[in-house]
Protein backbone atom coordinates (compact mmCIF):
# COMPACT_ATOMS: atom_id res chain seq x y z
CA UNK A 1 -2.29 -43.48 -79.60
CA UNK A 2 1.27 -43.40 -78.57
CA UNK A 3 1.17 -39.63 -78.35
CA UNK A 4 -1.77 -39.52 -76.08
CA UNK A 5 -0.38 -42.21 -73.72
CA UNK A 6 3.06 -40.77 -73.55
CA UNK A 7 1.87 -37.40 -72.49
CA UNK A 8 0.95 -37.16 -68.91
CA UNK A 9 -1.79 -34.84 -67.95
CA UNK A 10 -0.53 -31.68 -66.31
CA UNK A 11 -1.82 -31.20 -62.85
CA UNK A 12 -2.00 -27.72 -61.63
CA UNK A 13 -1.63 -27.49 -57.91
CA UNK A 14 -2.86 -24.26 -56.66
CA UNK A 15 -0.89 -23.05 -53.63
CA UNK A 16 -2.98 -21.00 -51.36
CA UNK A 17 -1.16 -18.38 -49.38
CA UNK A 18 -2.14 -18.77 -45.79
CA UNK A 19 -1.82 -15.59 -43.74
CA UNK A 20 -3.57 -17.11 -40.72
CA UNK A 21 -0.37 -18.42 -39.22
CA UNK A 22 1.16 -14.88 -39.23
CA UNK A 23 -1.98 -13.52 -37.66
CA UNK A 24 -1.84 -16.06 -34.84
CA UNK A 25 1.85 -15.34 -34.24
CA UNK A 26 1.09 -11.60 -34.17
CA UNK A 27 -1.70 -12.09 -31.61
CA UNK A 28 0.62 -14.21 -29.46
CA UNK A 29 3.31 -11.56 -29.62
CA UNK A 30 0.90 -8.77 -28.65
CA UNK A 31 -0.48 -10.93 -25.74
CA UNK A 32 3.00 -11.64 -24.54
CA UNK A 33 3.91 -7.95 -24.65
CA UNK A 34 0.78 -6.92 -22.72
CA UNK A 35 1.28 -9.63 -20.09
CA UNK A 36 4.92 -8.74 -19.72
CA UNK A 37 4.03 -5.04 -19.16
CA UNK A 38 1.37 -6.00 -16.59
CA UNK A 39 3.79 -8.36 -14.78
CA UNK A 40 6.45 -5.68 -14.73
CA UNK A 41 4.10 -3.15 -13.24
CA UNK A 42 2.89 -5.57 -10.61
CA UNK A 43 6.43 -6.54 -9.56
CA UNK A 44 7.46 -2.86 -9.46
CA UNK A 45 4.44 -2.01 -7.25
CA UNK A 46 5.28 -4.97 -5.00
CA UNK A 47 8.89 -3.86 -4.58
CA UNK A 48 7.76 -0.33 -3.67
CA UNK A 49 5.35 -1.78 -1.12
CA UNK A 50 8.13 -3.93 0.41
CA UNK A 51 10.47 -0.98 0.67
CA UNK A 52 7.81 1.16 2.35
CA UNK A 53 6.97 -1.68 4.74
CA UNK A 54 10.62 -2.11 5.69
CA UNK A 55 10.74 1.52 6.77
CA UNK A 56 7.59 0.93 8.83
CA UNK A 57 9.19 -2.12 10.41
CA UNK A 58 12.23 -0.10 11.51
CA UNK A 59 9.88 2.42 13.20
CA UNK A 60 7.88 -0.40 14.80
CA UNK A 61 11.07 -2.15 15.93
CA UNK A 62 12.05 0.84 18.08
CA UNK A 63 8.99 0.22 20.22
CA UNK A 64 8.59 -3.54 20.13
CA UNK A 65 10.50 -6.22 22.00
CA UNK A 66 11.79 -9.41 20.24
CA UNK A 67 8.55 -11.31 20.51
CA UNK A 68 6.65 -8.22 19.47
CA UNK A 69 8.73 -8.08 16.32
CA UNK A 70 7.90 -11.70 15.54
CA UNK A 71 4.21 -11.11 16.03
CA UNK A 72 4.32 -8.00 13.92
CA UNK A 73 6.02 -9.86 11.04
CA UNK A 74 3.39 -12.61 11.26
CA UNK A 75 0.58 -10.02 11.10
CA UNK A 76 2.28 -8.25 8.23
CA UNK A 77 2.54 -11.47 6.23
CA UNK A 78 -1.20 -12.09 6.57
CA UNK A 79 -2.00 -8.81 4.98
CA UNK A 80 1.01 -8.19 2.77
CA UNK A 81 -0.07 -6.22 -0.35
CA UNK A 82 2.67 -7.45 -2.64
CA UNK A 83 2.96 -10.56 -4.74
CA UNK A 84 2.83 -13.62 -2.54
CA UNK A 85 6.25 -14.90 -3.54
CA UNK A 86 7.89 -11.49 -2.88
CA UNK A 87 6.17 -11.27 0.49
CA UNK A 88 7.41 -14.68 1.47
CA UNK A 89 10.96 -13.93 0.36
CA UNK A 90 10.93 -10.63 2.21
CA UNK A 91 10.26 -12.11 5.63
CA UNK A 92 13.96 -12.30 6.65
CA UNK A 93 14.46 -8.74 5.42
CA UNK A 94 11.48 -7.45 7.47
CA UNK A 95 12.48 -9.43 10.52
CA UNK A 96 16.02 -8.05 10.37
CA UNK A 97 14.68 -4.49 9.97
CA UNK A 98 12.55 -4.87 13.04
CA UNK A 99 15.22 -6.47 15.13
CA UNK A 100 17.95 -4.01 14.17
CA UNK A 101 15.88 -0.98 15.26
CA UNK A 102 17.26 -1.34 18.79
CA UNK A 103 19.82 -3.31 20.71
CA UNK A 104 18.49 -6.76 21.72
CA UNK A 105 21.48 -8.39 23.46
CA UNK A 106 19.55 -9.08 26.66
CA UNK A 107 16.55 -10.61 24.74
CA UNK A 108 18.92 -12.82 22.83
CA UNK A 109 20.48 -14.06 25.98
CA UNK A 110 17.08 -15.07 27.34
CA UNK A 111 16.48 -17.32 24.37
CA UNK A 112 19.29 -19.65 25.49
CA UNK A 113 20.38 -20.65 21.99
CA UNK A 114 23.00 -23.05 23.34
CA UNK A 115 20.33 -25.59 24.29
CA UNK A 116 19.41 -26.09 20.61
CA UNK A 117 21.78 -28.11 18.41
CA UNK A 118 20.90 -26.34 15.17
CA UNK A 119 18.85 -23.55 13.82
CA UNK A 120 16.25 -26.02 12.69
CA UNK A 121 15.68 -27.25 16.27
CA UNK A 122 15.33 -23.68 17.46
CA UNK A 123 12.90 -22.72 14.69
CA UNK A 124 10.77 -25.83 15.30
CA UNK A 125 10.58 -25.27 19.02
CA UNK A 126 9.66 -21.60 18.71
CA UNK A 127 7.03 -22.21 16.00
CA UNK A 128 5.61 -25.10 18.04
CA UNK A 129 5.31 -22.80 21.03
CA UNK A 130 3.31 -20.32 18.85
CA UNK A 131 1.17 -23.17 17.47
CA UNK A 132 2.36 -22.58 13.87
CA UNK A 133 4.07 -25.88 13.36
CA UNK A 134 1.07 -27.81 11.94
CA UNK A 135 0.28 -26.00 8.72
CA UNK A 136 2.98 -26.14 6.12
CA UNK A 137 2.36 -22.61 4.86
CA UNK A 138 2.75 -20.95 8.30
CA UNK A 139 5.44 -23.30 9.40
CA UNK A 140 7.67 -22.15 6.53
CA UNK A 141 7.06 -18.45 7.31
CA UNK A 142 7.47 -18.89 11.04
CA UNK A 143 10.66 -20.78 10.37
CA UNK A 144 11.95 -17.96 8.21
CA UNK A 145 11.28 -15.46 10.98
CA UNK A 146 12.97 -17.55 13.70
CA UNK A 147 15.82 -18.42 11.35
CA UNK A 148 16.55 -14.71 11.15
CA UNK A 149 16.25 -14.38 14.93
CA UNK A 150 18.70 -17.27 15.27
CA UNK A 151 21.29 -15.56 13.04
CA UNK A 152 20.82 -12.20 14.65
CA UNK A 153 21.12 -13.52 18.22
CA UNK A 154 24.02 -15.82 17.37
CA UNK A 155 25.85 -12.83 15.97
CA UNK A 156 25.41 -10.88 19.18
CA UNK A 157 26.07 -13.86 21.50
CA UNK A 158 29.22 -15.07 19.70
CA UNK A 159 30.61 -12.17 17.78
CA UNK A 160 29.06 -9.34 19.77
CA UNK A 161 32.54 -8.50 21.02
CA UNK A 162 33.73 -7.72 17.51
CA UNK A 163 35.11 -4.27 16.97
CA UNK A 164 32.63 -3.44 14.23
CA UNK A 165 29.60 -1.60 15.66
CA UNK A 166 27.47 -2.43 12.64
CA UNK A 167 24.54 -4.76 13.36
CA UNK A 168 24.10 -7.73 11.08
CA UNK A 169 21.45 -7.81 8.39
CA UNK A 170 19.96 -11.17 7.65
CA UNK A 171 20.87 -13.14 5.52
CA UNK A 172 24.06 -11.17 4.84
CA UNK A 173 25.41 -11.54 8.33
CA UNK A 174 28.02 -14.11 7.17
CA UNK A 175 29.72 -11.46 5.01
CA UNK A 176 30.68 -9.20 7.81
CA UNK A 177 34.34 -9.06 8.70
CA UNK A 178 35.64 -7.60 11.96
CA UNK A 179 38.25 -5.01 11.34
CA UNK A 180 40.37 -2.94 13.62
CA UNK A 181 39.16 0.58 14.01
CA UNK A 182 41.25 3.25 12.39
CA UNK A 183 41.99 6.42 14.27
CA UNK A 184 40.32 9.44 12.80
CA UNK A 185 42.36 12.62 12.44
């Protein structure tokens, strides 16, 4: 009796190897790779579209006045063929491309920027005049366009007398430094 009670019955636990977890991880890795490749292709296509459009904006800017450039950018944004976020972030770049196509000192003087305290006041007044101040989506894009116009015209109104003949590109206009011209041999 003592022998039978002192011996504990041996329990055999059978460990089942589960390969399902590795299969799930493999499927997730393949899906991540496929989605990454598709996202990369879409972003690359969007960047090519934006670069092509920028060249078109330079050509259009040679024919359009300042308000024509603004209207052209608004039309472009409605039918932009790139990713929405890339289109929205390219608005200052497209506006600068259109504005820089020709000299617009006279058009900038007619805007009378001195009557506005800040860029925000200018942007709001201009977008309100176009009727784009009510919807948040278009208010943001209209503000981006007129913010670039503000920077561009302030450059020509205040620093237009700088020695450098290079026109500013928004938003990098702050980085320009006026230098004395060097005589060429």
